[in-house]
Amino acid sequence: MNQTNPRGGQPSTQAASDLEGRVVVLEIVSMTALALAMDTSENADVEHARGITTLILETVRQRCQEMQMSQEAQLSACSYADELLSTALMSLYPQNS
């Protein structure tokens, strides 16, 4: 893994690229995990899937508070989680959402 050092208090271009790449990987992994957890078979339980999303959202809020993130950062994290999870639910269960 490449080492990236901020220059003059600003993140380097390489650091920003590394972060962007990691976010993409995490999105793909999380969407795959959600698809597996939110069983999409004929016998799928949509309420179970919604319960998973609720648990994840609550955990994101709790973790943000534990990390003492700013209100702006907490809102950003919760909004992003909500967007990601809503997209997963609509993609997996388009007729039931």
PDB file of N, CA and C in Angstrom:
ATOM      1  N   MET A   1       0.849  -1.172   0.000  1.00  0.00           N
ATOM      2  CA  MET A   1       0.000   0.000   0.000  1.00  0.00           C
ATOM      3  C   MET A   1       0.892   1.231   0.000  1.00  0.00           C
ATOM      4  N   ASN A   2       0.493   2.203  -0.769  1.00  0.00           N
ATOM      5  CA  ASN A   2       1.266   3.438  -0.864  1.00  0.00           C
ATOM      6  C   ASN A   2       1.115   4.280   0.392  1.00  0.00           C
ATOM      7  N   GLN A   3       2.194   4.912   0.779  1.00  0.00           N
ATOM      8  CA  GLN A   3       2.147   5.856   1.888  1.00  0.00           C
ATOM      9  C   GLN A   3       1.822   7.225   1.296  1.00  0.00           C
ATOM     10  N   THR A   4       0.884   7.918   1.918  1.00  0.00           N
ATOM     11  CA  THR A   4       0.538   9.256   1.452  1.00  0.00           C
ATOM     12  C   THR A   4       0.692  10.225   2.602  1.00  0.00           C
ATOM     13  N   ASN A   5       1.383  11.311   2.332  1.00  0.00           N
ATOM     14  CA  ASN A   5       1.628  12.309   3.355  1.00  0.00           C
ATOM     15  C   ASN A   5       0.980  13.621   2.956  1.00  0.00           C
ATOM     16  N   PRO A   6       0.209  14.227   3.865  1.00  0.00           N
ATOM     17  CA  PRO A   6      -0.364  15.525   3.552  1.00  0.00           C
ATOM     18  C   PRO A   6       0.734  16.571   3.408  1.00  0.00           C
ATOM     19  N   ARG A   7       0.529  17.503   2.496  1.00  0.00           N
ATOM     20  CA  ARG A   7       1.500  18.578   2.282  1.00  0.00           C
ATOM     21  C   ARG A   7       0.859  19.892   2.676  1.00  0.00           C
ATOM     22  N   GLY A   8       1.479  20.589   3.592  1.00  0.00           N
ATOM     23  CA  GLY A   8       0.963  21.883   4.010  1.00  0.00           C
ATOM     24  C   GLY A   8      -0.425  21.805   4.620  1.00  0.00           C
ATOM     25  N   GLY A   9      -0.730  20.693   5.294  1.00  0.00           N
ATOM     26  CA  GLY A   9      -2.031  20.536   5.927  1.00  0.00           C
ATOM     27  C   GLY A   9      -3.125  20.098   4.968  1.00  0.00           C
ATOM     28  N   GLN A  10      -2.823  19.994   3.679  1.00  0.00           N
ATOM     29  CA  GLN A  10      -3.805  19.575   2.686  1.00  0.00           C
ATOM     30  C   GLN A  10      -3.531  18.125   2.286  1.00  0.00           C
ATOM     31  N   PRO A  11      -4.598  17.334   2.110  1.00  0.00           N
ATOM     32  CA  PRO A  11      -4.386  15.961   1.675  1.00  0.00           C
ATOM     33  C   PRO A  11      -3.771  15.953   0.276  1.00  0.00           C
ATOM     34  N   SER A  12      -2.866  15.023   0.035  1.00  0.00           N
ATOM     35  CA  SER A  12      -2.252  14.930  -1.286  1.00  0.00           C
ATOM     36  C   SER A  12      -3.268  14.363  -2.274  1.00  0.00           C
ATOM     37  N   THR A  13      -2.985  14.572  -3.541  1.00  0.00           N
ATOM     38  CA  THR A  13      -3.846  14.013  -4.583  1.00  0.00           C
ATOM     39  C   THR A  13      -3.897  12.509  -4.457  1.00  0.00           C
ATOM     40  N   GLN A  14      -2.773  11.891  -4.144  1.00  0.00           N
ATOM     41  CA  GLN A  14      -2.735  10.438  -3.986  1.00  0.00           C
ATOM     42  C   GLN A  14      -3.614   9.995  -2.821  1.00  0.00           C
ATOM     43  N   ALA A  15      -3.593  10.739  -1.722  1.00  0.00           N
ATOM     44  CA  ALA A  15      -4.425  10.391  -0.565  1.00  0.00           C
ATOM     45  C   ALA A  15      -5.898  10.470  -0.934  1.00  0.00           C
ATOM     46  N   ALA A  16      -6.278  11.508  -1.664  1.00  0.00           N
ATOM     47  CA  ALA A  16      -7.673  11.650  -2.085  1.00  0.00           C
ATOM     48  C   ALA A  16      -8.066  10.507  -3.012  1.00  0.00           C
ATOM     49  N   SER A  17      -7.175  10.123  -3.916  1.00  0.00           N
ATOM     50  CA  SER A  17      -7.442   9.007  -4.825  1.00  0.00           C
ATOM     51  C   SER A  17      -7.573   7.698  -4.063  1.00  0.00           C
ATOM     52  N   ASP A  18      -6.692   7.498  -3.085  1.00  0.00           N
ATOM     53  CA  ASP A  18      -6.762   6.294  -2.260  1.00  0.00           C
ATOM     54  C   ASP A  18      -8.089   6.225  -1.519  1.00  0.00           C
ATOM     55  N   LEU A  19      -8.499   7.338  -0.939  1.00  0.00           N
ATOM     56  CA  LEU A  19      -9.758   7.382  -0.204  1.00  0.00           C
ATOM     57  C   LEU A  19     -10.941   7.105  -1.128  1.00  0.00           C
ATOM     58  N   GLU A  20     -10.941   7.727  -2.282  1.00  0.00           N
ATOM     59  CA  GLU A  20     -12.025   7.519  -3.242  1.00  0.00           C
ATOM     60  C   GLU A  20     -12.090   6.053  -3.668  1.00  0.00           C
ATOM     61  N   GLY A  21     -10.944   5.453  -3.924  1.00  0.00           N
ATOM     62  CA  GLY A  21     -10.906   4.043  -4.300  1.00  0.00           C
ATOM     63  C   GLY A  21     -11.429   3.140  -3.199  1.00  0.00           C
ATOM     64  N   ARG A  22     -11.063   3.438  -1.980  1.00  0.00           N
ATOM     65  CA  ARG A  22     -11.526   2.628  -0.848  1.00  0.00           C
ATOM     66  C   ARG A  22     -13.028   2.749  -0.658  1.00  0.00           C
ATOM     67  N   VAL A  23     -13.577   3.941  -0.861  1.00  0.00           N
ATOM     68  CA  VAL A  23     -15.016   4.134  -0.724  1.00  0.00           C
ATOM     69  C   VAL A  23     -15.752   3.288  -1.752  1.00  0.00           C
ATOM     70  N   VAL A  24     -15.248   3.262  -2.980  1.00  0.00           N
ATOM     71  CA  VAL A  24     -15.877   2.451  -4.022  1.00  0.00           C
ATOM     72  C   VAL A  24     -15.878   0.977  -3.622  1.00  0.00           C
ATOM     73  N   VAL A  25     -14.747   0.484  -3.128  1.00  0.00           N
ATOM     74  CA  VAL A  25     -14.665  -0.909  -2.708  1.00  0.00           C
ATOM     75  C   VAL A  25     -15.642  -1.181  -1.564  1.00  0.00           C
ATOM     76  N   LEU A  26     -15.687  -0.300  -0.586  1.00  0.00           N
ATOM     77  CA  LEU A  26     -16.596  -0.492   0.546  1.00  0.00           C
ATOM     78  C   LEU A  26     -18.057  -0.476   0.104  1.00  0.00           C
ATOM     79  N   GLU A  27     -18.403   0.364  -0.853  1.00  0.00           N
ATOM     80  CA  GLU A  27     -19.772   0.386  -1.371  1.00  0.00           C
ATOM     81  C   GLU A  27     -20.122  -0.952  -2.022  1.00  0.00           C
ATOM     82  N   ILE A  28     -19.216  -1.479  -2.819  1.00  0.00           N
ATOM     83  CA  ILE A  28     -19.481  -2.745  -3.497  1.00  0.00           C
ATOM     84  C   ILE A  28     -19.602  -3.882  -2.486  1.00  0.00           C
ATOM     85  N   VAL A  29     -18.696  -3.920  -1.528  1.00  0.00           N
ATOM     86  CA  VAL A  29     -18.749  -4.966  -0.499  1.00  0.00           C
ATOM     87  C   VAL A  29     -20.031  -4.853   0.308  1.00  0.00           C
ATOM     88  N   SER A  30     -20.404  -3.627   0.688  1.00  0.00           N
ATOM     89  CA  SER A  30     -21.614  -3.465   1.500  1.00  0.00           C
ATOM     90  C   SER A  30     -22.866  -3.829   0.703  1.00  0.00           C
ATOM     91  N   MET A  31     -22.916  -3.470  -0.573  1.00  0.00           N
ATOM     92  CA  MET A  31     -24.081  -3.820  -1.385  1.00  0.00           C
ATOM     93  C   MET A  31     -24.176  -5.338  -1.559  1.00  0.00           C
ATOM     94  N   THR A  32     -23.043  -6.003  -1.732  1.00  0.00           N
ATOM     95  CA  THR A  32     -23.038  -7.459  -1.859  1.00  0.00           C
ATOM     96  C   THR A  32     -23.497  -8.106  -0.555  1.00  0.00           C
ATOM     97  N   ALA A  33     -22.974  -7.617   0.563  1.00  0.00           N
ATOM     98  CA  ALA A  33     -23.373  -8.155   1.866  1.00  0.00           C
ATOM     99  C   ALA A  33     -24.858  -7.918   2.117  1.00  0.00           C
ATOM    100  N   LEU A  34     -25.345  -6.741   1.749  1.00  0.00           N
ATOM    101  CA  LEU A  34     -26.774  -6.452   1.917  1.00  0.00           C
ATOM    102  C   LEU A  34     -27.624  -7.390   1.072  1.00  0.00           C
ATOM    103  N   ALA A  35     -27.209  -7.620  -0.161  1.00  0.00           N
ATOM    104  CA  ALA A  35     -27.959  -8.516  -1.037  1.00  0.00           C
ATOM    105  C   ALA A  35     -28.032  -9.922  -0.445  1.00  0.00           C
ATOM    106  N   LEU A  36     -26.931 -10.377   0.132  1.00  0.00           N
ATOM    107  CA  LEU A  36     -26.929 -11.701   0.755  1.00  0.00           C
ATOM    108  C   LEU A  36     -27.777 -11.727   2.023  1.00  0.00           C
ATOM    109  N   ALA A  37     -27.689 -10.674   2.814  1.00  0.00           N
ATOM    110  CA  ALA A  37     -28.448 -10.614   4.070  1.00  0.00           C
ATOM    111  C   ALA A  37     -29.937 -10.422   3.829  1.00  0.00           C
ATOM    112  N   MET A  38     -30.270  -9.697   2.754  1.00  0.00           N
ATOM    113  CA  MET A  38     -31.670  -9.404   2.449  1.00  0.00           C
ATOM    114  C   MET A  38     -32.202 -10.395   1.416  1.00  0.00           C
ATOM    115  N   ASP A  39     -32.044 -11.642   1.694  1.00  0.00           N
ATOM    116  CA  ASP A  39     -32.444 -12.744   0.825  1.00  0.00           C
ATOM    117  C   ASP A  39     -33.423 -12.313  -0.274  1.00  0.00           C
ATOM    118  N   THR A  40     -33.016 -12.490  -1.513  1.00  0.00           N
ATOM    119  CA  THR A  40     -33.867 -12.097  -2.640  1.00  0.00           C
ATOM    120  C   THR A  40     -34.547 -13.286  -3.309  1.00  0.00           C
ATOM    121  N   SER A  41     -34.580 -14.407  -2.639  1.00  0.00           N
ATOM    122  CA  SER A  41     -35.237 -15.581  -3.203  1.00  0.00           C
ATOM    123  C   SER A  41     -36.755 -15.380  -3.191  1.00  0.00           C
ATOM    124  N   GLU A  42     -37.462 -16.328  -3.744  1.00  0.00           N
ATOM    125  CA  GLU A  42     -38.928 -16.233  -3.778  1.00  0.00           C
ATOM    126  C   GLU A  42     -39.526 -16.188  -2.380  1.00  0.00           C
ATOM    127  N   ASN A  43     -38.852 -16.769  -1.419  1.00  0.00           N
ATOM    128  CA  ASN A  43     -39.349 -16.809  -0.043  1.00  0.00           C
ATOM    129  C   ASN A  43     -38.800 -15.665   0.803  1.00  0.00           C
ATOM    130  N   ALA A  44     -38.280 -14.648   0.171  1.00  0.00           N
ATOM    131  CA  ALA A  44     -37.650 -13.537   0.892  1.00  0.00           C
ATOM    132  C   ALA A  44     -38.647 -12.836   1.805  1.00  0.00           C
ATOM    133  N   ASP A  45     -38.141 -12.382   2.922  1.00  0.00           N
ATOM    134  CA  ASP A  45     -38.949 -11.655   3.897  1.00  0.00           C
ATOM    135  C   ASP A  45     -38.557 -10.181   3.831  1.00  0.00           C
ATOM    136  N   VAL A  46     -39.395  -9.376   3.198  1.00  0.00           N
ATOM    137  CA  VAL A  46     -39.102  -7.958   3.021  1.00  0.00           C
ATOM    138  C   VAL A  46     -39.004  -7.254   4.371  1.00  0.00           C
ATOM    139  N   GLU A  47     -39.815  -7.639   5.328  1.00  0.00           N
ATOM    140  CA  GLU A  47     -39.760  -7.022   6.655  1.00  0.00           C
ATOM    141  C   GLU A  47     -38.437  -7.318   7.340  1.00  0.00           C
ATOM    142  N   HIS A  48     -37.904  -8.502   7.120  1.00  0.00           N
ATOM    143  CA  HIS A  48     -36.588  -8.833   7.659  1.00  0.00           C
ATOM    144  C   HIS A  48     -35.536  -7.904   7.051  1.00  0.00           C
ATOM    145  N   ALA A  49     -35.633  -7.689   5.755  1.00  0.00           N
ATOM    146  CA  ALA A  49     -34.699  -6.790   5.066  1.00  0.00           C
ATOM    147  C   ALA A  49     -34.814  -5.376   5.617  1.00  0.00           C
ATOM    148  N   ARG A  50     -36.022  -4.912   5.832  1.00  0.00           N
ATOM    149  CA  ARG A  50     -36.216  -3.572   6.408  1.00  0.00           C
ATOM    150  C   ARG A  50     -35.661  -3.490   7.820  1.00  0.00           C
ATOM    151  N   GLY A  51     -35.786  -4.579   8.569  1.00  0.00           N
ATOM    152  CA  GLY A  51     -35.221  -4.619   9.918  1.00  0.00           C
ATOM    153  C   GLY A  51     -33.705  -4.486   9.899  1.00  0.00           C
ATOM    154  N   ILE A  52     -33.081  -5.111   8.916  1.00  0.00           N
ATOM    155  CA  ILE A  52     -31.624  -4.998   8.771  1.00  0.00           C
ATOM    156  C   ILE A  52     -31.253  -3.548   8.496  1.00  0.00           C
ATOM    157  N   THR A  53     -31.979  -2.893   7.603  1.00  0.00           N
ATOM    158  CA  THR A  53     -31.658  -1.503   7.281  1.00  0.00           C
ATOM    159  C   THR A  53     -31.834  -0.603   8.495  1.00  0.00           C
ATOM    160  N   THR A  54     -32.877  -0.834   9.267  1.00  0.00           N
ATOM    161  CA  THR A  54     -33.102  -0.038  10.474  1.00  0.00           C
ATOM    162  C   THR A  54     -31.961  -0.231  11.468  1.00  0.00           C
ATOM    163  N   LEU A  55     -31.544  -1.472  11.656  1.00  0.00           N
ATOM    164  CA  LEU A  55     -30.437  -1.764  12.566  1.00  0.00           C
ATOM    165  C   LEU A  55     -29.159  -1.068  12.109  1.00  0.00           C
ATOM    166  N   ILE A  56     -28.883  -1.114  10.822  1.00  0.00           N
ATOM    167  CA  ILE A  56     -27.681  -0.470  10.295  1.00  0.00           C
ATOM    168  C   ILE A  56     -27.740   1.041  10.522  1.00  0.00           C
ATOM    169  N   LEU A  57     -28.876   1.654  10.226  1.00  0.00           N
ATOM    170  CA  LEU A  57     -29.013   3.102  10.414  1.00  0.00           C
ATOM    171  C   LEU A  57     -28.825   3.497  11.876  1.00  0.00           C
ATOM    172  N   GLU A  58     -29.414   2.726  12.777  1.00  0.00           N
ATOM    173  CA  GLU A  58     -29.263   3.010  14.208  1.00  0.00           C
ATOM    174  C   GLU A  58     -27.806   2.872  14.634  1.00  0.00           C
ATOM    175  N   THR A  59     -27.125   1.875  14.109  1.00  0.00           N
ATOM    176  CA  THR A  59     -25.727   1.651  14.443  1.00  0.00           C
ATOM    177  C   THR A  59     -24.844   2.771  13.915  1.00  0.00           C
ATOM    178  N   VAL A  60     -25.139   3.263  12.709  1.00  0.00           N
ATOM    179  CA  VAL A  60     -24.384   4.392  12.155  1.00  0.00           C
ATOM    180  C   VAL A  60     -24.549   5.607  13.066  1.00  0.00           C
ATOM    181  N   ARG A  61     -25.774   5.910  13.466  1.00  0.00           N
ATOM    182  CA  ARG A  61     -26.013   7.064  14.356  1.00  0.00           C
ATOM    183  C   ARG A  61     -25.256   6.916  15.669  1.00  0.00           C
ATOM    184  N   GLN A  62     -25.334   5.719  16.243  1.00  0.00           N
ATOM    185  CA  GLN A  62     -24.662   5.467  17.517  1.00  0.00           C
ATOM    186  C   GLN A  62     -23.146   5.607  17.375  1.00  0.00           C
ATOM    187  N   ARG A  63     -22.602   5.052  16.307  1.00  0.00           N
ATOM    188  CA  ARG A  63     -21.147   5.109  16.121  1.00  0.00           C
ATOM    189  C   ARG A  63     -20.673   6.543  15.906  1.00  0.00           C
ATOM    190  N   CYS A  64     -21.443   7.312  15.155  1.00  0.00           N
ATOM    191  CA  CYS A  64     -21.101   8.724  14.934  1.00  0.00           C
ATOM    192  C   CYS A  64     -21.039   9.474  16.263  1.00  0.00           C
ATOM    193  N   GLN A  65     -21.999   9.195  17.137  1.00  0.00           N
ATOM    194  CA  GLN A  65     -22.017   9.851  18.450  1.00  0.00           C
ATOM    195  C   GLN A  65     -20.843   9.390  19.303  1.00  0.00           C
ATOM    196  N   GLU A  66     -20.536   8.094  19.260  1.00  0.00           N
ATOM    197  CA  GLU A  66     -19.399   7.568  20.016  1.00  0.00           C
ATOM    198  C   GLU A  66     -18.092   8.217  19.574  1.00  0.00           C
ATOM    199  N   MET A  67     -17.982   8.488  18.273  1.00  0.00           N
ATOM    200  CA  MET A  67     -16.768   9.099  17.734  1.00  0.00           C
ATOM    201  C   MET A  67     -16.767  10.613  17.915  1.00  0.00           C
ATOM    202  N   GLN A  68     -17.838  11.143  18.494  1.00  0.00           N
ATOM    203  CA  GLN A  68     -17.997  12.574  18.743  1.00  0.00           C
ATOM    204  C   GLN A  68     -17.787  13.388  17.465  1.00  0.00           C
ATOM    205  N   MET A  69     -18.407  12.904  16.395  1.00  0.00           N
ATOM    206  CA  MET A  69     -18.329  13.596  15.118  1.00  0.00           C
ATOM    207  C   MET A  69     -19.159  14.869  15.179  1.00  0.00           C
ATOM    208  N   SER A  70     -18.800  15.839  14.367  1.00  0.00           N
ATOM    209  CA  SER A  70     -19.580  17.077  14.312  1.00  0.00           C
ATOM    210  C   SER A  70     -20.982  16.764  13.807  1.00  0.00           C
ATOM    211  N   GLN A  71     -21.918  17.671  14.081  1.00  0.00           N
ATOM    212  CA  GLN A  71     -23.293  17.479  13.614  1.00  0.00           C
ATOM    213  C   GLN A  71     -23.335  17.352  12.097  1.00  0.00           C
ATOM    214  N   GLU A  72     -22.528  18.154  11.420  1.00  0.00           N
ATOM    215  CA  GLU A  72     -22.487  18.113   9.953  1.00  0.00           C
ATOM    216  C   GLU A  72     -21.999  16.748   9.458  1.00  0.00           C
ATOM    217  N   ALA A  73     -20.955  16.220  10.080  1.00  0.00           N
ATOM    218  CA  ALA A  73     -20.420  14.913   9.695  1.00  0.00           C
ATOM    219  C   ALA A  73     -21.418  13.803  10.006  1.00  0.00           C
ATOM    220  N   GLN A  74     -22.099  13.918  11.145  1.00  0.00           N
ATOM    221  CA  GLN A  74     -23.111  12.916  11.496  1.00  0.00           C
ATOM    222  C   GLN A  74     -24.251  12.916  10.485  1.00  0.00           C
ATOM    223  N   LEU A  75     -24.704  14.098  10.117  1.00  0.00           N
ATOM    224  CA  LEU A  75     -25.774  14.212   9.129  1.00  0.00           C
ATOM    225  C   LEU A  75     -25.336  13.623   7.797  1.00  0.00           C
ATOM    226  N   SER A  76     -24.117  13.914   7.413  1.00  0.00           N
ATOM    227  CA  SER A  76     -23.582  13.384   6.156  1.00  0.00           C
ATOM    228  C   SER A  76     -23.537  11.855   6.187  1.00  0.00           C
ATOM    229  N   ALA A  77     -23.031  11.287   7.261  1.00  0.00           N
ATOM    230  CA  ALA A  77     -22.928   9.832   7.388  1.00  0.00           C
ATOM    231  C   ALA A  77     -24.308   9.180   7.378  1.00  0.00           C
ATOM    232  N   CYS A  78     -25.233   9.740   8.144  1.00  0.00           N
ATOM    233  CA  CYS A  78     -26.583   9.166   8.216  1.00  0.00           C
ATOM    234  C   CYS A  78     -27.320   9.301   6.887  1.00  0.00           C
ATOM    235  N   SER A  79     -27.143  10.421   6.226  1.00  0.00           N
ATOM    236  CA  SER A  79     -27.789  10.619   4.925  1.00  0.00           C
ATOM    237  C   SER A  79     -27.233   9.634   3.900  1.00  0.00           C
ATOM    238  N   TYR A  80     -25.925   9.446   3.920  1.00  0.00           N
ATOM    239  CA  TYR A  80     -25.296   8.519   2.991  1.00  0.00           C
ATOM    240  C   TYR A  80     -25.759   7.088   3.262  1.00  0.00           C
ATOM    241  N   ALA A  81     -25.805   6.694   4.522  1.00  0.00           N
ATOM    242  CA  ALA A  81     -26.263   5.350   4.876  1.00  0.00           C
ATOM    243  C   ALA A  81     -27.710   5.147   4.441  1.00  0.00           C
ATOM    244  N   ASP A  82     -28.536   6.152   4.678  1.00  0.00           N
ATOM    245  CA  ASP A  82     -29.937   6.067   4.277  1.00  0.00           C
ATOM    246  C   ASP A  82     -30.067   5.924   2.758  1.00  0.00           C
ATOM    247  N   GLU A  83     -29.289   6.709   2.035  1.00  0.00           N
ATOM    248  CA  GLU A  83     -29.309   6.644   0.565  1.00  0.00           C
ATOM    249  C   GLU A  83     -28.877   5.261   0.074  1.00  0.00           C
ATOM    250  N   LEU A  84     -27.787   4.757   0.625  1.00  0.00           N
ATOM    251  CA  LEU A  84     -27.270   3.451   0.233  1.00  0.00           C
ATOM    252  C   LEU A  84     -28.270   2.335   0.532  1.00  0.00           C
ATOM    253  N   LEU A  85     -28.842   2.368   1.725  1.00  0.00           N
ATOM    254  CA  LEU A  85     -29.778   1.322   2.128  1.00  0.00           C
ATOM    255  C   LEU A  85     -31.102   1.421   1.367  1.00  0.00           C
ATOM    256  N   SER A  86     -31.572   2.622   1.142  1.00  0.00           N
ATOM    257  CA  SER A  86     -32.811   2.790   0.374  1.00  0.00           C
ATOM    258  C   SER A  86     -32.633   2.273  -1.043  1.00  0.00           C
ATOM    259  N   THR A  87     -31.484   2.572  -1.629  1.00  0.00           N
ATOM    260  CA  THR A  87     -31.192   2.087  -2.979  1.00  0.00           C
ATOM    261  C   THR A  87     -31.145   0.566  -3.001  1.00  0.00           C
ATOM    262  N   ALA A  88     -30.535  -0.021  -1.982  1.00  0.00           N
ATOM    263  CA  ALA A  88     -30.467  -1.482  -1.913  1.00  0.00           C
ATOM    264  C   ALA A  88     -31.858  -2.082  -1.813  1.00  0.00           C
ATOM    265  N   LEU A  89     -32.696  -1.534  -0.948  1.00  0.00           N
ATOM    266  CA  LEU A  89     -34.060  -2.058  -0.803  1.00  0.00           C
ATOM    267  C   LEU A  89     -34.853  -1.921  -2.096  1.00  0.00           C
ATOM    268  N   MET A  90     -34.769  -0.756  -2.728  1.00  0.00           N
ATOM    269  CA  MET A  90     -35.521  -0.550  -3.966  1.00  0.00           C
ATOM    270  C   MET A  90     -34.996  -1.453  -5.088  1.00  0.00           C
ATOM    271  N   SER A  91     -33.695  -1.685  -5.105  1.00  0.00           N
ATOM    272  CA  SER A  91     -33.116  -2.552  -6.142  1.00  0.00           C
ATOM    273  C   SER A  91     -33.491  -4.010  -5.917  1.00  0.00           C
ATOM    274  N   LEU A  92     -33.473  -4.430  -4.678  1.00  0.00           N
ATOM    275  CA  LEU A  92     -33.744  -5.834  -4.370  1.00  0.00           C
ATOM    276  C   LEU A  92     -35.227  -6.165  -4.379  1.00  0.00           C
ATOM    277  N   TYR A  93     -36.051  -5.211  -3.968  1.00  0.00           N
ATOM    278  CA  TYR A  93     -37.481  -5.448  -3.859  1.00  0.00           C
ATOM    279  C   TYR A  93     -38.266  -4.330  -4.540  1.00  0.00           C
ATOM    280  N   PRO A  94     -38.125  -4.164  -5.843  1.00  0.00           N
ATOM    281  CA  PRO A  94     -38.746  -3.018  -6.523  1.00  0.00           C
ATOM    282  C   PRO A  94     -40.269  -2.987  -6.409  1.00  0.00           C
ATOM    283  N   GLN A  95     -40.919  -4.105  -6.424  1.00  0.00           N
ATOM    284  CA  GLN A  95     -42.379  -4.117  -6.353  1.00  0.00           C
ATOM    285  C   GLN A  95     -42.917  -4.025  -4.938  1.00  0.00           C
ATOM    286  N   ASN A  96     -42.055  -4.250  -3.930  1.00  0.00           N
ATOM    287  CA  ASN A  96     -42.517  -4.281  -2.536  1.00  0.00           C
ATOM    288  C   ASN A  96     -42.134  -3.048  -1.741  1.00  0.00           C
ATOM    289  N   SER A  97     -41.325  -2.151  -2.291  1.00  0.00           N
ATOM    290  CA  SER A  97     -40.834  -1.002  -1.521  1.00  0.00           C
ATOM    291  C   SER A  97     -41.838   0.116  -1.523  1.00  0.00           C
TER     292      SER A  97
END
